[in-house]
N, C-alpha and C. Protein backbone atom coordinates (compact mmCIF):
# COMPACT_ATOMS: atom_id res chain seq x y z
N MET A 1 0.85 -1.18 0.00
CA MET A 1 0.00 0.00 0.00
C MET A 1 0.90 1.24 0.00
N LEU A 2 0.54 2.21 -0.79
CA LEU A 2 1.29 3.46 -0.84
C LEU A 2 1.06 4.27 0.43
N SER A 3 2.06 5.07 0.78
CA SER A 3 1.93 5.89 1.99
C SER A 3 0.74 6.83 1.91
N TYR A 4 0.46 7.36 0.71
CA TYR A 4 -0.68 8.27 0.55
C TYR A 4 -2.00 7.54 0.85
N GLU A 5 -2.13 6.32 0.33
CA GLU A 5 -3.34 5.54 0.58
C GLU A 5 -3.51 5.24 2.06
N LEU A 6 -2.43 4.89 2.71
CA LEU A 6 -2.46 4.64 4.15
C LEU A 6 -2.86 5.91 4.90
N PHE A 7 -2.29 7.03 4.51
CA PHE A 7 -2.59 8.33 5.11
C PHE A 7 -4.08 8.64 5.03
N VAL A 8 -4.65 8.46 3.84
CA VAL A 8 -6.07 8.76 3.62
C VAL A 8 -6.96 7.72 4.29
N ASN A 9 -6.69 6.44 4.06
CA ASN A 9 -7.55 5.37 4.59
C ASN A 9 -7.59 5.33 6.11
N ASP A 10 -6.45 5.58 6.75
CA ASP A 10 -6.39 5.53 8.21
C ASP A 10 -6.62 6.89 8.86
N LYS A 11 -6.94 7.89 8.02
CA LYS A 11 -7.21 9.25 8.50
C LYS A 11 -6.09 9.77 9.40
N LEU A 12 -4.85 9.60 8.93
CA LEU A 12 -3.68 10.05 9.68
C LEU A 12 -3.56 11.57 9.60
N GLU A 13 -2.80 12.16 10.50
CA GLU A 13 -2.68 13.62 10.57
C GLU A 13 -1.53 14.17 9.73
N VAL A 14 -0.47 13.40 9.55
CA VAL A 14 0.72 13.91 8.88
C VAL A 14 1.26 12.88 7.91
N LEU A 15 1.69 13.35 6.74
CA LEU A 15 2.36 12.52 5.75
C LEU A 15 3.64 13.23 5.34
N ALA A 16 4.77 12.57 5.49
CA ALA A 16 6.06 13.16 5.11
C ALA A 16 6.60 12.43 3.89
N GLY A 17 7.36 13.14 3.09
CA GLY A 17 7.97 12.53 1.92
C GLY A 17 8.69 13.57 1.08
N LEU A 18 9.10 13.16 -0.09
CA LEU A 18 9.77 14.09 -0.99
C LEU A 18 8.75 15.09 -1.55
N LYS A 19 9.17 16.33 -1.64
CA LYS A 19 8.26 17.42 -1.99
C LYS A 19 7.51 17.22 -3.31
N PRO A 20 8.16 16.77 -4.39
CA PRO A 20 7.39 16.60 -5.64
C PRO A 20 6.19 15.67 -5.48
N ARG A 21 6.36 14.59 -4.72
CA ARG A 21 5.25 13.66 -4.51
C ARG A 21 4.18 14.28 -3.62
N LEU A 22 4.59 15.00 -2.58
CA LEU A 22 3.62 15.63 -1.69
C LEU A 22 2.79 16.68 -2.43
N VAL A 23 3.41 17.38 -3.39
CA VAL A 23 2.67 18.37 -4.17
C VAL A 23 1.53 17.69 -4.92
N THR A 24 1.81 16.58 -5.58
CA THR A 24 0.75 15.90 -6.32
C THR A 24 -0.26 15.23 -5.39
N ASP A 25 0.21 14.70 -4.26
CA ASP A 25 -0.73 14.10 -3.30
C ASP A 25 -1.67 15.15 -2.72
N ALA A 26 -1.14 16.33 -2.40
CA ALA A 26 -1.97 17.40 -1.82
C ALA A 26 -3.06 17.84 -2.79
N GLU A 27 -2.77 17.78 -4.09
CA GLU A 27 -3.78 18.16 -5.09
C GLU A 27 -4.94 17.18 -5.12
N LYS A 28 -4.69 15.94 -4.74
CA LYS A 28 -5.74 14.91 -4.75
C LYS A 28 -6.62 14.95 -3.51
N LEU A 29 -6.17 15.69 -2.49
CA LEU A 29 -6.89 15.68 -1.22
C LEU A 29 -7.36 17.08 -0.85
N PRO A 30 -8.61 17.42 -1.15
CA PRO A 30 -9.11 18.76 -0.83
C PRO A 30 -8.95 19.09 0.64
N GLY A 31 -8.52 20.31 0.91
CA GLY A 31 -8.35 20.76 2.28
C GLY A 31 -6.99 20.45 2.88
N SER A 32 -6.17 19.70 2.15
CA SER A 32 -4.84 19.40 2.68
C SER A 32 -3.91 20.58 2.45
N ARG A 33 -2.82 20.61 3.19
CA ARG A 33 -1.84 21.67 3.00
C ARG A 33 -0.47 21.13 3.35
N ARG A 34 0.54 21.78 2.80
CA ARG A 34 1.91 21.38 3.08
C ARG A 34 2.54 22.36 4.05
N ALA A 35 3.42 21.87 4.90
CA ALA A 35 4.16 22.73 5.82
C ALA A 35 5.05 23.67 4.99
N GLY A 36 5.34 24.82 5.53
CA GLY A 36 6.07 25.83 4.79
C GLY A 36 7.51 25.54 4.47
N ARG A 37 8.18 24.73 5.28
CA ARG A 37 9.59 24.51 5.00
C ARG A 37 9.95 23.03 5.15
N ALA A 38 11.09 22.68 4.58
CA ALA A 38 11.55 21.30 4.62
C ALA A 38 12.14 20.96 5.99
N PHE A 39 12.04 19.72 6.38
CA PHE A 39 12.67 19.28 7.62
C PHE A 39 13.91 18.44 7.33
N SER A 40 14.15 18.16 6.06
CA SER A 40 15.36 17.44 5.64
C SER A 40 15.66 17.81 4.19
N ALA A 41 16.81 17.40 3.71
CA ALA A 41 17.18 17.69 2.33
C ALA A 41 17.96 16.52 1.76
N VAL A 42 17.82 16.30 0.46
CA VAL A 42 18.58 15.28 -0.24
C VAL A 42 19.65 16.01 -1.04
N GLN A 43 20.88 15.84 -0.63
CA GLN A 43 21.98 16.49 -1.34
C GLN A 43 22.59 15.49 -2.31
N GLN A 44 22.74 15.91 -3.56
CA GLN A 44 23.30 15.02 -4.56
C GLN A 44 24.52 15.68 -5.17
N SER A 45 25.41 14.87 -5.66
CA SER A 45 26.61 15.40 -6.29
C SER A 45 27.02 14.48 -7.43
N ILE A 46 28.03 14.90 -8.14
CA ILE A 46 28.54 14.11 -9.26
C ILE A 46 30.05 14.11 -9.18
N GLY A 47 30.67 13.04 -9.58
CA GLY A 47 32.12 12.97 -9.52
C GLY A 47 32.66 11.98 -10.53
N HIS A 48 33.97 11.98 -10.66
CA HIS A 48 34.64 11.02 -11.54
C HIS A 48 36.02 10.74 -10.99
N SER A 49 36.69 9.75 -11.51
CA SER A 49 37.99 9.33 -11.01
C SER A 49 38.99 10.47 -11.06
N ALA A 50 39.83 10.58 -10.04
CA ALA A 50 40.86 11.61 -10.00
C ALA A 50 41.84 11.40 -11.15
N GLY A 51 42.25 12.48 -11.76
CA GLY A 51 43.24 12.42 -12.82
C GLY A 51 42.71 11.98 -14.17
N THR A 52 41.40 11.74 -14.27
CA THR A 52 40.83 11.35 -15.56
C THR A 52 39.93 12.47 -16.07
N GLN A 53 39.76 12.48 -17.36
CA GLN A 53 38.87 13.47 -17.95
C GLN A 53 37.48 12.86 -18.10
N CYS A 54 36.48 13.64 -17.78
CA CYS A 54 35.10 13.18 -17.90
C CYS A 54 34.80 12.93 -19.37
N ARG A 55 34.28 11.76 -19.69
CA ARG A 55 34.01 11.44 -21.09
C ARG A 55 32.61 11.88 -21.51
N SER A 56 31.76 12.17 -20.57
CA SER A 56 30.39 12.59 -20.89
C SER A 56 30.29 14.10 -20.85
N GLU A 57 29.56 14.67 -21.78
CA GLU A 57 29.36 16.11 -21.81
C GLU A 57 28.44 16.57 -20.69
N VAL A 58 27.52 15.73 -20.27
CA VAL A 58 26.56 16.15 -19.24
C VAL A 58 27.24 16.52 -17.93
N PRO A 59 28.08 15.67 -17.32
CA PRO A 59 28.73 16.10 -16.07
C PRO A 59 29.58 17.36 -16.25
N ALA A 60 30.24 17.48 -17.39
CA ALA A 60 31.04 18.68 -17.63
C ALA A 60 30.15 19.92 -17.68
N ARG A 61 29.00 19.82 -18.31
CA ARG A 61 28.09 20.96 -18.39
C ARG A 61 27.52 21.29 -17.01
N ILE A 62 27.25 20.26 -16.23
CA ILE A 62 26.73 20.50 -14.89
C ILE A 62 27.78 21.24 -14.06
N ARG A 63 29.02 20.79 -14.14
CA ARG A 63 30.08 21.45 -13.39
C ARG A 63 30.25 22.91 -13.82
N ARG A 64 30.00 23.22 -15.07
CA ARG A 64 30.19 24.60 -15.54
C ARG A 64 29.12 25.55 -15.03
N GLY A 65 28.06 25.05 -14.46
CA GLY A 65 27.11 25.94 -13.82
C GLY A 65 25.82 26.17 -14.59
N ARG A 66 25.64 27.34 -15.15
CA ARG A 66 24.35 27.72 -15.75
C ARG A 66 23.82 26.71 -16.72
N LYS A 67 24.67 26.17 -17.58
CA LYS A 67 24.18 25.16 -18.52
C LYS A 67 23.68 23.94 -17.76
N GLY A 68 24.36 23.62 -16.67
CA GLY A 68 23.92 22.49 -15.84
C GLY A 68 22.55 22.72 -15.25
N LEU A 69 22.31 23.95 -14.81
CA LEU A 69 20.98 24.27 -14.28
C LEU A 69 19.93 24.11 -15.36
N GLY A 70 20.28 24.47 -16.59
CA GLY A 70 19.35 24.31 -17.71
C GLY A 70 19.01 22.85 -17.95
N ILE A 71 20.02 21.98 -17.85
CA ILE A 71 19.78 20.55 -18.02
C ILE A 71 18.81 20.07 -16.95
N ARG A 72 19.03 20.48 -15.73
CA ARG A 72 18.16 20.07 -14.63
C ARG A 72 16.74 20.56 -14.86
N ARG A 73 16.61 21.81 -15.23
CA ARG A 73 15.25 22.36 -15.45
C ARG A 73 14.56 21.68 -16.61
N GLN A 74 15.30 21.37 -17.68
CA GLN A 74 14.70 20.66 -18.81
C GLN A 74 14.19 19.29 -18.36
N GLY A 75 14.98 18.61 -17.54
CA GLY A 75 14.56 17.30 -17.03
C GLY A 75 13.32 17.41 -16.16
N ASP A 76 13.27 18.45 -15.32
CA ASP A 76 12.10 18.66 -14.48
C ASP A 76 10.85 18.87 -15.32
N ARG A 77 10.99 19.68 -16.38
CA ARG A 77 9.84 19.94 -17.27
C ARG A 77 9.44 18.67 -18.02
N LYS A 78 10.43 17.98 -18.57
CA LYS A 78 10.16 16.77 -19.36
C LYS A 78 9.41 15.72 -18.54
N HIS A 79 9.78 15.57 -17.28
CA HIS A 79 9.18 14.54 -16.44
C HIS A 79 8.12 15.08 -15.48
N ALA A 80 7.70 16.33 -15.70
CA ALA A 80 6.65 16.97 -14.91
C ALA A 80 6.94 16.95 -13.41
N VAL A 81 8.20 17.18 -13.06
CA VAL A 81 8.59 17.25 -11.65
C VAL A 81 8.21 18.62 -11.13
N ARG A 82 7.48 18.65 -10.03
CA ARG A 82 7.02 19.92 -9.47
C ARG A 82 7.40 20.02 -8.01
N GLY A 83 7.54 21.25 -7.54
CA GLY A 83 7.79 21.46 -6.12
C GLY A 83 9.25 21.40 -5.73
N VAL A 84 10.17 21.44 -6.69
CA VAL A 84 11.59 21.42 -6.37
C VAL A 84 12.25 22.73 -6.76
N SER A 85 13.38 23.00 -6.16
CA SER A 85 14.15 24.17 -6.55
C SER A 85 15.58 23.74 -6.81
N VAL A 86 16.28 24.54 -7.60
CA VAL A 86 17.65 24.23 -7.96
C VAL A 86 18.55 25.26 -7.30
N ALA A 87 19.55 24.78 -6.58
CA ALA A 87 20.49 25.68 -5.93
C ALA A 87 21.35 26.38 -6.98
N PRO A 88 21.77 27.61 -6.73
CA PRO A 88 22.65 28.28 -7.69
C PRO A 88 24.01 27.61 -7.74
N PRO A 89 24.77 27.84 -8.82
CA PRO A 89 26.10 27.22 -8.91
C PRO A 89 27.00 27.68 -7.78
N ALA A 90 27.90 26.80 -7.36
CA ALA A 90 28.87 27.16 -6.33
C ALA A 90 29.85 28.19 -6.88
N PRO A 91 30.34 29.09 -6.04
CA PRO A 91 31.29 30.10 -6.54
C PRO A 91 32.61 29.49 -6.96
């Protein structure tokens, strides 16, 4: 059983999860609302072997910053991911 189904069927008070899923779950449940801020975060990174050159253009573009943000946003749009934000490039 999905957590959302358990939440609704058992009339629970709180459902926690990743924001994109909670956004779509909240739309299915009239009167529901999301808390204003996150209580945890999923930090992701990318890397490759020391001393080697990255063979894929995607990691290189991500490392360069703005183009990487564009890749992320395109993926979010393509897969209808909602409720997420992208951190600015590191200085």
